[in-house]
Amino acid sequence: MQSPSLEPVPVQGCEVCAHAAAWRRAYRTGKGTAGGYTNHSAAVDCSLEIRNHPHEPRAAGLPVNAPAVRP
């Protein structure tokens, strides 16, 4: 059985996700980057952008409200 990917998947229809995914691919392959060099650090930054930027309605993550604190 194959383990699920930990890489964030772009939200369909989100222009920010699509843009970040295109740059992530370019940074990993070197195709489309200046000089044709790979930049894995920049690729990780793109993955973080896909994972962290807000979507409406929320795509994933923790509930909006804080959990109830019991005495």
PDB file of N, CA and C in Angstrom:
ATOM      1  N   MET A   1       0.847  -1.180   0.000  1.00  0.00           N
ATOM      2  CA  MET A   1       0.000   0.000   0.000  1.00  0.00           C
ATOM      3  C   MET A   1       0.888   1.238   0.000  1.00  0.00           C
ATOM      4  N   GLN A   2       0.523   2.195  -0.820  1.00  0.00           N
ATOM      5  CA  GLN A   2       1.303   3.418  -0.943  1.00  0.00           C
ATOM      6  C   GLN A   2       0.822   4.446   0.081  1.00  0.00           C
ATOM      7  N   SER A   3       1.775   5.131   0.713  1.00  0.00           N
ATOM      8  CA  SER A   3       1.400   6.138   1.698  1.00  0.00           C
ATOM      9  C   SER A   3       0.935   7.398   0.981  1.00  0.00           C
ATOM     10  N   PRO A   4       0.020   8.157   1.593  1.00  0.00           N
ATOM     11  CA  PRO A   4      -0.450   9.388   0.963  1.00  0.00           C
ATOM     12  C   PRO A   4       0.662  10.428   0.883  1.00  0.00           C
ATOM     13  N   SER A   5       0.577  11.265  -0.116  1.00  0.00           N
ATOM     14  CA  SER A   5       1.573  12.308  -0.301  1.00  0.00           C
ATOM     15  C   SER A   5       1.386  13.397   0.750  1.00  0.00           C
ATOM     16  N   LEU A   6       2.499  13.890   1.269  1.00  0.00           N
ATOM     17  CA  LEU A   6       2.438  14.986   2.220  1.00  0.00           C
ATOM     18  C   LEU A   6       2.483  16.334   1.505  1.00  0.00           C
ATOM     19  N   GLU A   7       2.629  16.287   0.184  1.00  0.00           N
ATOM     20  CA  GLU A   7       2.693  17.513  -0.588  1.00  0.00           C
ATOM     21  C   GLU A   7       1.290  18.106  -0.729  1.00  0.00           C
ATOM     22  N   PRO A   8       1.145  19.399  -0.471  1.00  0.00           N
ATOM     23  CA  PRO A   8      -0.183  20.003  -0.597  1.00  0.00           C
ATOM     24  C   PRO A   8      -0.654  19.998  -2.047  1.00  0.00           C
ATOM     25  N   VAL A   9      -1.926  19.724  -2.218  1.00  0.00           N
ATOM     26  CA  VAL A   9      -2.539  19.687  -3.540  1.00  0.00           C
ATOM     27  C   VAL A   9      -3.223  21.029  -3.782  1.00  0.00           C
ATOM     28  N   PRO A  10      -3.002  21.639  -4.949  1.00  0.00           N
ATOM     29  CA  PRO A  10      -3.665  22.914  -5.241  1.00  0.00           C
ATOM     30  C   PRO A  10      -5.190  22.775  -5.221  1.00  0.00           C
ATOM     31  N   VAL A  11      -5.854  23.768  -4.681  1.00  0.00           N
ATOM     32  CA  VAL A  11      -7.314  23.784  -4.656  1.00  0.00           C
ATOM     33  C   VAL A  11      -7.803  24.131  -6.061  1.00  0.00           C
ATOM     34  N   GLN A  12      -8.683  23.296  -6.578  1.00  0.00           N
ATOM     35  CA  GLN A  12      -9.186  23.498  -7.934  1.00  0.00           C
ATOM     36  C   GLN A  12      -9.910  24.839  -8.048  1.00  0.00           C
ATOM     37  N   GLY A  13      -9.567  25.584  -9.092  1.00  0.00           N
ATOM     38  CA  GLY A  13     -10.197  26.872  -9.335  1.00  0.00           C
ATOM     39  C   GLY A  13      -9.530  28.044  -8.638  1.00  0.00           C
ATOM     40  N   CYS A  14      -8.498  27.783  -7.836  1.00  0.00           N
ATOM     41  CA  CYS A  14      -7.800  28.847  -7.117  1.00  0.00           C
ATOM     42  C   CYS A  14      -6.602  29.307  -7.952  1.00  0.00           C
ATOM     43  N   GLU A  15      -6.597  30.565  -8.351  1.00  0.00           N
ATOM     44  CA  GLU A  15      -5.514  31.094  -9.175  1.00  0.00           C
ATOM     45  C   GLU A  15      -4.178  31.126  -8.426  1.00  0.00           C
ATOM     46  N   VAL A  16      -4.207  31.424  -7.139  1.00  0.00           N
ATOM     47  CA  VAL A  16      -2.974  31.453  -6.343  1.00  0.00           C
ATOM     48  C   VAL A  16      -2.362  30.059  -6.293  1.00  0.00           C
ATOM     49  N   CYS A  17      -3.181  29.040  -6.050  1.00  0.00           N
ATOM     50  CA  CYS A  17      -2.685  27.662  -6.014  1.00  0.00           C
ATOM     51  C   CYS A  17      -2.105  27.261  -7.368  1.00  0.00           C
ATOM     52  N   ALA A  18      -2.807  27.590  -8.441  1.00  0.00           N
ATOM     53  CA  ALA A  18      -2.334  27.229  -9.782  1.00  0.00           C
ATOM     54  C   ALA A  18      -0.987  27.889 -10.084  1.00  0.00           C
ATOM     55  N   HIS A  19      -0.853  29.153  -9.725  1.00  0.00           N
ATOM     56  CA  HIS A  19       0.385  29.896  -9.953  1.00  0.00           C
ATOM     57  C   HIS A  19       1.532  29.293  -9.139  1.00  0.00           C
ATOM     58  N   ALA A  20       1.272  29.015  -7.864  1.00  0.00           N
ATOM     59  CA  ALA A  20       2.302  28.438  -6.995  1.00  0.00           C
ATOM     60  C   ALA A  20       2.687  27.032  -7.464  1.00  0.00           C
ATOM     61  N   ALA A  21       1.721  26.257  -7.930  1.00  0.00           N
ATOM     62  CA  ALA A  21       2.014  24.908  -8.428  1.00  0.00           C
ATOM     63  C   ALA A  21       2.873  24.962  -9.687  1.00  0.00           C
ATOM     64  N   ALA A  22       2.601  25.917 -10.564  1.00  0.00           N
ATOM     65  CA  ALA A  22       3.399  26.061 -11.786  1.00  0.00           C
ATOM     66  C   ALA A  22       4.839  26.432 -11.441  1.00  0.00           C
ATOM     67  N   TRP A  23       5.010  27.355 -10.503  1.00  0.00           N
ATOM     68  CA  TRP A  23       6.362  27.737 -10.100  1.00  0.00           C
ATOM     69  C   TRP A  23       7.063  26.615  -9.358  1.00  0.00           C
ATOM     70  N   ARG A  24       6.325  25.868  -8.535  1.00  0.00           N
ATOM     71  CA  ARG A  24       6.922  24.731  -7.826  1.00  0.00           C
ATOM     72  C   ARG A  24       7.482  23.725  -8.830  1.00  0.00           C
ATOM     73  N   ARG A  25       6.699  23.419  -9.858  1.00  0.00           N
ATOM     74  CA  ARG A  25       7.147  22.502 -10.904  1.00  0.00           C
ATOM     75  C   ARG A  25       8.389  23.039 -11.615  1.00  0.00           C
ATOM     76  N   ALA A  26       8.383  24.338 -11.926  1.00  0.00           N
ATOM     77  CA  ALA A  26       9.524  24.962 -12.609  1.00  0.00           C
ATOM     78  C   ALA A  26      10.777  24.919 -11.733  1.00  0.00           C
ATOM     79  N   TYR A  27      10.635  25.233 -10.452  1.00  0.00           N
ATOM     80  CA  TYR A  27      11.792  25.211  -9.558  1.00  0.00           C
ATOM     81  C   TYR A  27      12.356  23.802  -9.395  1.00  0.00           C
ATOM     82  N   ARG A  28      11.494  22.794  -9.386  1.00  0.00           N
ATOM     83  CA  ARG A  28      11.975  21.418  -9.226  1.00  0.00           C
ATOM     84  C   ARG A  28      12.689  20.906 -10.474  1.00  0.00           C
ATOM     85  N   THR A  29      12.203  21.289 -11.634  1.00  0.00           N
ATOM     86  CA  THR A  29      12.756  20.757 -12.882  1.00  0.00           C
ATOM     87  C   THR A  29      13.805  21.668 -13.503  1.00  0.00           C
ATOM     88  N   GLY A  30      13.772  22.956 -13.160  1.00  0.00           N
ATOM     89  CA  GLY A  30      14.671  23.922 -13.782  1.00  0.00           C
ATOM     90  C   GLY A  30      14.132  24.444 -15.103  1.00  0.00           C
ATOM     91  N   LYS A  31      12.999  23.899 -15.555  1.00  0.00           N
ATOM     92  CA  LYS A  31      12.398  24.343 -16.816  1.00  0.00           C
ATOM     93  C   LYS A  31      11.569  25.599 -16.557  1.00  0.00           C
ATOM     94  N   GLY A  32      11.973  26.696 -17.170  1.00  0.00           N
ATOM     95  CA  GLY A  32      11.259  27.946 -16.997  1.00  0.00           C
ATOM     96  C   GLY A  32      11.904  28.888 -15.994  1.00  0.00           C
ATOM     97  N   THR A  33      12.979  28.452 -15.355  1.00  0.00           N
ATOM     98  CA  THR A  33      13.666  29.320 -14.405  1.00  0.00           C
ATOM     99  C   THR A  33      14.873  29.957 -15.077  1.00  0.00           C
ATOM    100  N   ALA A  34      15.353  31.033 -14.503  1.00  0.00           N
ATOM    101  CA  ALA A  34      16.519  31.721 -15.051  1.00  0.00           C
ATOM    102  C   ALA A  34      17.717  30.784 -15.041  1.00  0.00           C
ATOM    103  N   GLY A  35      18.304  30.570 -16.182  1.00  0.00           N
ATOM    104  CA  GLY A  35      19.484  29.725 -16.279  1.00  0.00           C
ATOM    105  C   GLY A  35      19.183  28.239 -16.273  1.00  0.00           C
ATOM    106  N   GLY A  36      17.926  27.862 -16.086  1.00  0.00           N
ATOM    107  CA  GLY A  36      17.564  26.449 -16.082  1.00  0.00           C
ATOM    108  C   GLY A  36      17.985  25.691 -14.844  1.00  0.00           C
ATOM    109  N   TYR A  37      18.239  26.416 -13.752  1.00  0.00           N
ATOM    110  CA  TYR A  37      18.682  25.766 -12.518  1.00  0.00           C
ATOM    111  C   TYR A  37      17.489  25.388 -11.641  1.00  0.00           C
ATOM    112  N   THR A  38      17.649  24.300 -10.898  1.00  0.00           N
ATOM    113  CA  THR A  38      16.619  23.927  -9.929  1.00  0.00           C
ATOM    114  C   THR A  38      16.832  24.718  -8.640  1.00  0.00           C
ATOM    115  N   ASN A  39      15.769  24.866  -7.878  1.00  0.00           N
ATOM    116  CA  ASN A  39      15.841  25.571  -6.605  1.00  0.00           C
ATOM    117  C   ASN A  39      14.823  24.904  -5.681  1.00  0.00           C
ATOM    118  N   HIS A  40      15.272  23.881  -4.960  1.00  0.00           N
ATOM    119  CA  HIS A  40      14.353  23.111  -4.133  1.00  0.00           C
ATOM    120  C   HIS A  40      13.830  23.903  -2.935  1.00  0.00           C
ATOM    121  N   SER A  41      14.593  24.853  -2.459  1.00  0.00           N
ATOM    122  CA  SER A  41      14.122  25.711  -1.372  1.00  0.00           C
ATOM    123  C   SER A  41      12.925  26.544  -1.841  1.00  0.00           C
ATOM    124  N   ALA A  42      13.028  27.098  -3.032  1.00  0.00           N
ATOM    125  CA  ALA A  42      11.917  27.883  -3.577  1.00  0.00           C
ATOM    126  C   ALA A  42      10.705  26.991  -3.851  1.00  0.00           C
ATOM    127  N   ALA A  43      10.948  25.736  -4.253  1.00  0.00           N
ATOM    128  CA  ALA A  43       9.842  24.802  -4.478  1.00  0.00           C
ATOM    129  C   ALA A  43       9.091  24.532  -3.175  1.00  0.00           C
ATOM    130  N   VAL A  44       9.829  24.405  -2.078  1.00  0.00           N
ATOM    131  CA  VAL A  44       9.196  24.212  -0.772  1.00  0.00           C
ATOM    132  C   VAL A  44       8.383  25.451  -0.398  1.00  0.00           C
ATOM    133  N   ASP A  45       8.900  26.635  -0.674  1.00  0.00           N
ATOM    134  CA  ASP A  45       8.162  27.870  -0.404  1.00  0.00           C
ATOM    135  C   ASP A  45       6.835  27.882  -1.156  1.00  0.00           C
ATOM    136  N   CYS A  46       6.841  27.393  -2.392  1.00  0.00           N
ATOM    137  CA  CYS A  46       5.600  27.326  -3.173  1.00  0.00           C
ATOM    138  C   CYS A  46       4.614  26.352  -2.533  1.00  0.00           C
ATOM    139  N   SER A  47       5.110  25.226  -2.048  1.00  0.00           N
ATOM    140  CA  SER A  47       4.241  24.266  -1.365  1.00  0.00           C
ATOM    141  C   SER A  47       3.634  24.881  -0.107  1.00  0.00           C
ATOM    142  N   LEU A  48       4.426  25.650   0.619  1.00  0.00           N
ATOM    143  CA  LEU A  48       3.913  26.317   1.820  1.00  0.00           C
ATOM    144  C   LEU A  48       2.834  27.331   1.462  1.00  0.00           C
ATOM    145  N   GLU A  49       3.016  28.030   0.358  1.00  0.00           N
ATOM    146  CA  GLU A  49       2.001  28.993  -0.078  1.00  0.00           C
ATOM    147  C   GLU A  49       0.700  28.267  -0.413  1.00  0.00           C
ATOM    148  N   ILE A  50       0.796  27.142  -1.105  1.00  0.00           N
ATOM    149  CA  ILE A  50      -0.403  26.373  -1.442  1.00  0.00           C
ATOM    150  C   ILE A  50      -1.103  25.912  -0.172  1.00  0.00           C
ATOM    151  N   ARG A  51      -0.335  25.442   0.785  1.00  0.00           N
ATOM    152  CA  ARG A  51      -0.930  24.920   2.018  1.00  0.00           C
ATOM    153  C   ARG A  51      -1.504  26.009   2.910  1.00  0.00           C
ATOM    154  N   ASN A  52      -0.869  27.169   2.971  1.00  0.00           N
ATOM    155  CA  ASN A  52      -1.207  28.150   4.000  1.00  0.00           C
ATOM    156  C   ASN A  52      -2.138  29.282   3.590  1.00  0.00           C
ATOM    157  N   HIS A  53      -2.275  29.580   2.325  1.00  0.00           N
ATOM    158  CA  HIS A  53      -3.106  30.744   2.013  1.00  0.00           C
ATOM    159  C   HIS A  53      -4.584  30.394   2.166  1.00  0.00           C
ATOM    160  N   PRO A  54      -5.388  31.365   2.541  1.00  0.00           N
ATOM    161  CA  PRO A  54      -6.798  31.088   2.844  1.00  0.00           C
ATOM    162  C   PRO A  54      -7.631  30.829   1.598  1.00  0.00           C
ATOM    163  N   HIS A  55      -8.636  30.005   1.759  1.00  0.00           N
ATOM    164  CA  HIS A  55      -9.625  29.735   0.715  1.00  0.00           C
ATOM    165  C   HIS A  55     -11.003  29.953   1.324  1.00  0.00           C
ATOM    166  N   GLU A  56     -11.912  30.390   0.523  1.00  0.00           N
ATOM    167  CA  GLU A  56     -13.305  30.524   0.971  1.00  0.00           C
ATOM    168  C   GLU A  56     -14.168  29.669   0.083  1.00  0.00           C
ATOM    169  N   PRO A  57     -14.894  28.725   0.544  1.00  0.00           N
ATOM    170  CA  PRO A  57     -14.870  28.255   1.920  1.00  0.00           C
ATOM    171  C   PRO A  57     -13.559  27.555   2.222  1.00  0.00           C
ATOM    172  N   ARG A  58     -13.270  27.411   3.498  1.00  0.00           N
ATOM    173  CA  ARG A  58     -12.007  26.810   3.904  1.00  0.00           C
ATOM    174  C   ARG A  58     -11.822  25.452   3.242  1.00  0.00           C
ATOM    175  N   ALA A  59     -10.633  25.230   2.685  1.00  0.00           N
ATOM    176  CA  ALA A  59     -10.339  23.976   1.996  1.00  0.00           C
ATOM    177  C   ALA A  59      -9.990  22.866   2.989  1.00  0.00           C
ATOM    178  N   ALA A  60      -9.297  23.216   4.040  1.00  0.00           N
ATOM    179  CA  ALA A  60      -8.877  22.224   5.026  1.00  0.00           C
ATOM    180  C   ALA A  60      -8.340  22.961   6.235  1.00  0.00           C
ATOM    181  N   GLY A  61      -8.029  22.216   7.248  1.00  0.00           N
ATOM    182  CA  GLY A  61      -7.406  22.831   8.418  1.00  0.00           C
ATOM    183  C   GLY A  61      -8.226  22.660   9.662  1.00  0.00           C
ATOM    184  N   LEU A  62      -7.832  23.380  10.675  1.00  0.00           N
ATOM    185  CA  LEU A  62      -8.515  23.312  11.955  1.00  0.00           C
ATOM    186  C   LEU A  62      -9.827  24.076  11.916  1.00  0.00           C
ATOM    187  N   PRO A  63     -10.742  23.765  12.797  1.00  0.00           N
ATOM    188  CA  PRO A  63     -11.977  24.532  12.885  1.00  0.00           C
ATOM    189  C   PRO A  63     -11.671  26.014  13.144  1.00  0.00           C
ATOM    190  N   VAL A  64     -12.551  26.882  12.715  1.00  0.00           N
ATOM    191  CA  VAL A  64     -12.347  28.309  12.873  1.00  0.00           C
ATOM    192  C   VAL A  64     -12.400  28.712  14.333  1.00  0.00           C
ATOM    193  N   ASN A  65     -13.364  28.200  15.088  1.00  0.00           N
ATOM    194  CA  ASN A  65     -13.540  28.561  16.499  1.00  0.00           C
ATOM    195  C   ASN A  65     -12.598  27.755  17.378  1.00  0.00           C
ATOM    196  N   ALA A  66     -12.157  28.360  18.463  1.00  0.00           N
ATOM    197  CA  ALA A  66     -11.300  27.675  19.421  1.00  0.00           C
ATOM    198  C   ALA A  66     -12.105  26.605  20.153  1.00  0.00           C
ATOM    199  N   PRO A  67     -11.449  25.543  20.604  1.00  0.00           N
ATOM    200  CA  PRO A  67     -12.175  24.522  21.355  1.00  0.00           C
ATOM    201  C   PRO A  67     -12.640  25.071  22.699  1.00  0.00           C
ATOM    202  N   ALA A  68     -13.715  24.517  23.183  1.00  0.00           N
ATOM    203  CA  ALA A  68     -14.247  24.935  24.483  1.00  0.00           C
ATOM    204  C   ALA A  68     -13.291  24.478  25.577  1.00  0.00           C
ATOM    205  N   VAL A  69     -12.980  25.378  26.510  1.00  0.00           N
ATOM    206  CA  VAL A  69     -12.091  25.051  27.613  1.00  0.00           C
ATOM    207  C   VAL A  69     -12.957  24.687  28.804  1.00  0.00           C
ATOM    208  N   ARG A  70     -12.691  23.518  29.341  1.00  0.00           N
ATOM    209  CA  ARG A  70     -13.474  23.059  30.502  1.00  0.00           C
ATOM    210  C   ARG A  70     -12.653  23.178  31.766  1.00  0.00           C
ATOM    211  N   PRO A  71     -13.286  23.599  32.843  1.00  0.00           N
ATOM    212  CA  PRO A  71     -12.547  23.765  34.109  1.00  0.00           C
ATOM    213  C   PRO A  71     -12.084  22.454  34.696  1.00  0.00           C
TER     214      PRO A  71
END
